[in-house]
Structures are given as structure tokens and as C-alpha cells.
Amino acid sequence: MTTSKRILVASYIIGITLTVLTVVLTITGFDTMTLGTITGIAYAEISVSNAFYFNKAKKENVLKIAFGCSDLSPEKAEKLAKFIETLGGIL
């Protein structure tokens, strides 16, 4: 599993855990004002993680589509991909 997927999974686990904890503590009568704020911030972090992950996937898919439509040999395509990766990917 890639690091970006691990970050995404960890974000979802933390967000869901905080949501369940907030609901349970609210039902039992505890003051969860601060915990609710932290839960909201966790969902903001989830949205940032999603945006990062989907942007990264979009850049990777552009390369895959470009190589699939071109008549490059697999060796040349791999060399080109490594070169683009060393430059930091496609902008």
C-alpha cells in the first residue's frame, strides 16, 4: 500500500472514530463541544487528504493515458517515465 493511501485510510479511521465517540458521549450526556470541534477539524483534514490523493492519481493517469495512446516502445516509455518522475512529475 502506498503512503498516500495509508494517509487516506488513517484519516478516515480517525474521523469515523471521533464521530462515533462524539455521538456516544453526547447521548450519554457529556459536554462534547470541544470534541465536536476536533471532529470537524478531522473532516477538514480528510477533505485535504482526498484532494491530494485524487490530484496525485490524476497526474499518474495522464502519464498512463499518454503512453497508451503513443507508439513509443516500452523501453522508451519507461525511460521517459523515469525522467519525468525525477523532474517531479507533470505539472
C-alpha atoms as a PDB file:
ATOM      1  CA  MET A   1       0.000   0.000   0.000  1.00  0.00           C
ATOM      2  CA  THR A   2       1.402   3.395  -0.948  1.00  0.00           C
ATOM      3  CA  THR A   3       1.985   6.114   1.620  1.00  0.00           C
ATOM      4  CA  SER A   4      -0.762   8.327   0.226  1.00  0.00           C
ATOM      5  CA  LYS A   5      -3.300   5.501   0.604  1.00  0.00           C
ATOM      6  CA  ARG A   6      -2.125   4.894   4.177  1.00  0.00           C
ATOM      7  CA  ILE A   7      -2.617   8.568   4.991  1.00  0.00           C
ATOM      8  CA  LEU A   8      -6.091   8.435   3.456  1.00  0.00           C
ATOM      9  CA  VAL A   9      -7.057   5.308   5.420  1.00  0.00           C
ATOM     10  CA  ALA A  10      -5.675   6.725   8.673  1.00  0.00           C
ATOM     11  CA  SER A  11      -7.606   9.961   8.129  1.00  0.00           C
ATOM     12  CA  TYR A  12     -10.863   8.084   7.606  1.00  0.00           C
ATOM     13  CA  ILE A  13     -10.296   5.864  10.646  1.00  0.00           C
ATOM     14  CA  ILE A  14      -9.596   8.863  12.874  1.00  0.00           C
ATOM     15  CA  GLY A  15     -12.588  10.799  11.501  1.00  0.00           C
ATOM     16  CA  ILE A  16     -15.013   7.908  11.940  1.00  0.00           C
ATOM     17  CA  THR A  17     -13.682   7.111  15.426  1.00  0.00           C
ATOM     18  CA  LEU A  18     -14.069  10.735  16.539  1.00  0.00           C
ATOM     19  CA  THR A  19     -17.585  10.858  15.090  1.00  0.00           C
ATOM     20  CA  VAL A  20     -18.674   7.699  16.912  1.00  0.00           C
ATOM     21  CA  LEU A  21     -17.075   8.940  20.134  1.00  0.00           C
ATOM     22  CA  THR A  22     -18.819  12.313  19.831  1.00  0.00           C
ATOM     23  CA  VAL A  23     -22.224  10.698  19.232  1.00  0.00           C
ATOM     24  CA  VAL A  24     -21.834   8.202  22.082  1.00  0.00           C
ATOM     25  CA  LEU A  25     -20.680  10.840  24.567  1.00  0.00           C
ATOM     26  CA  THR A  26     -23.470  13.210  23.511  1.00  0.00           C
ATOM     27  CA  ILE A  27     -26.091  10.504  24.025  1.00  0.00           C
ATOM     28  CA  THR A  28     -24.706   9.696  27.472  1.00  0.00           C
ATOM     29  CA  GLY A  29     -24.971  13.349  28.493  1.00  0.00           C
ATOM     30  CA  PHE A  30     -21.379  14.605  28.391  1.00  0.00           C
ATOM     31  CA  ASP A  31     -20.429  18.046  27.095  1.00  0.00           C
ATOM     32  CA  THR A  32     -18.841  17.396  23.711  1.00  0.00           C
ATOM     33  CA  MET A  33     -18.415  20.929  22.434  1.00  0.00           C
ATOM     34  CA  THR A  34     -14.624  20.708  22.198  1.00  0.00           C
ATOM     35  CA  LEU A  35     -14.677  17.154  20.869  1.00  0.00           C
ATOM     36  CA  GLY A  36     -17.170  18.224  18.207  1.00  0.00           C
ATOM     37  CA  THR A  37     -14.780  20.952  17.085  1.00  0.00           C
ATOM     38  CA  ILE A  38     -11.922  18.466  16.857  1.00  0.00           C
ATOM     39  CA  THR A  39     -14.159  16.108  14.871  1.00  0.00           C
ATOM     40  CA  GLY A  40     -14.956  18.896  12.421  1.00  0.00           C
ATOM     41  CA  ILE A  41     -11.270  19.648  12.021  1.00  0.00           C
ATOM     42  CA  ALA A  42     -10.636  15.948  11.361  1.00  0.00           C
ATOM     43  CA  TYR A  43     -13.111  16.066   8.471  1.00  0.00           C
ATOM     44  CA  ALA A  44     -11.332  19.130   7.088  1.00  0.00           C
ATOM     45  CA  GLU A  45      -8.123  17.081   7.107  1.00  0.00           C
ATOM     46  CA  ILE A  46      -9.936  14.237   5.341  1.00  0.00           C
ATOM     47  CA  SER A  47     -11.015  16.596   2.567  1.00  0.00           C
ATOM     48  CA  VAL A  48      -7.431  17.822   2.144  1.00  0.00           C
ATOM     49  CA  SER A  49      -6.174  14.221   2.027  1.00  0.00           C
ATOM     50  CA  ASN A  50      -8.785  13.358  -0.610  1.00  0.00           C
ATOM     51  CA  ALA A  51      -7.835  16.361  -2.721  1.00  0.00           C
ATOM     52  CA  PHE A  52      -4.147  15.440  -2.522  1.00  0.00           C
ATOM     53  CA  TYR A  53      -4.758  11.791  -3.353  1.00  0.00           C
ATOM     54  CA  PHE A  54      -7.065  12.458  -6.302  1.00  0.00           C
ATOM     55  CA  ASN A  55      -4.727  15.119  -7.702  1.00  0.00           C
ATOM     56  CA  LYS A  56      -1.832  12.643  -7.468  1.00  0.00           C
ATOM     57  CA  ALA A  57      -3.898   9.928  -9.171  1.00  0.00           C
ATOM     58  CA  LYS A  58      -4.912  12.348 -11.918  1.00  0.00           C
ATOM     59  CA  LYS A  59      -1.260  13.129 -12.684  1.00  0.00           C
ATOM     60  CA  GLU A  60      -0.380   9.431 -12.772  1.00  0.00           C
ATOM     61  CA  ASN A  61      -3.312   8.644 -15.060  1.00  0.00           C
ATOM     62  CA  VAL A  62      -2.275  11.367 -17.505  1.00  0.00           C
ATOM     63  CA  LEU A  63       1.029   9.534 -17.957  1.00  0.00           C
ATOM     64  CA  LYS A  64      -0.699   6.173 -18.385  1.00  0.00           C
ATOM     65  CA  ILE A  65      -3.109   7.549 -20.976  1.00  0.00           C
ATOM     66  CA  ALA A  66      -0.329   9.348 -22.849  1.00  0.00           C
ATOM     67  CA  PHE A  67       1.781   6.196 -23.027  1.00  0.00           C
ATOM     68  CA  GLY A  68      -1.216   4.123 -24.056  1.00  0.00           C
ATOM     69  CA  CYS A  69      -2.004   6.435 -26.988  1.00  0.00           C
ATOM     70  CA  SER A  70       1.561   6.798 -28.210  1.00  0.00           C
ATOM     71  CA  ASP A  71       3.613   4.493 -30.356  1.00  0.00           C
ATOM     72  CA  LEU A  72       6.623   4.515 -28.016  1.00  0.00           C
ATOM     73  CA  SER A  73       8.361   1.261 -27.342  1.00  0.00           C
ATOM     74  CA  PRO A  74       8.018   0.022 -23.748  1.00  0.00           C
ATOM     75  CA  GLU A  75      11.709   0.696 -23.099  1.00  0.00           C
ATOM     76  CA  LYS A  76      11.500   4.297 -24.307  1.00  0.00           C
ATOM     77  CA  ALA A  77       8.260   4.832 -22.399  1.00  0.00           C
ATOM     78  CA  GLU A  78       9.858   3.579 -19.183  1.00  0.00           C
ATOM     79  CA  LYS A  79      12.888   5.828 -19.660  1.00  0.00           C
ATOM     80  CA  LEU A  80      10.610   8.796 -20.291  1.00  0.00           C
ATOM     81  CA  ALA A  81       8.535   7.980 -17.199  1.00  0.00           C
ATOM     82  CA  LYS A  82      11.651   7.804 -15.018  1.00  0.00           C
ATOM     83  CA  PHE A  83      12.863  11.115 -16.438  1.00  0.00           C
ATOM     84  CA  ILE A  84       9.520  12.817 -15.745  1.00  0.00           C
ATOM     85  CA  GLU A  85       9.483  11.319 -12.241  1.00  0.00           C
ATOM     86  CA  THR A  86      12.924  12.776 -11.494  1.00  0.00           C
ATOM     87  CA  LEU A  87      11.626  16.182 -12.539  1.00  0.00           C
ATOM     88  CA  GLY A  88       8.789  15.911 -10.050  1.00  0.00           C
ATOM     89  CA  GLY A  89       6.001  14.683 -12.272  1.00  0.00           C
ATOM     90  CA  ILE A  90       3.712  16.518 -14.638  1.00  0.00           C
ATOM     91  CA  LEU A  91       2.517  19.942 -13.578  1.00  0.00           C
END
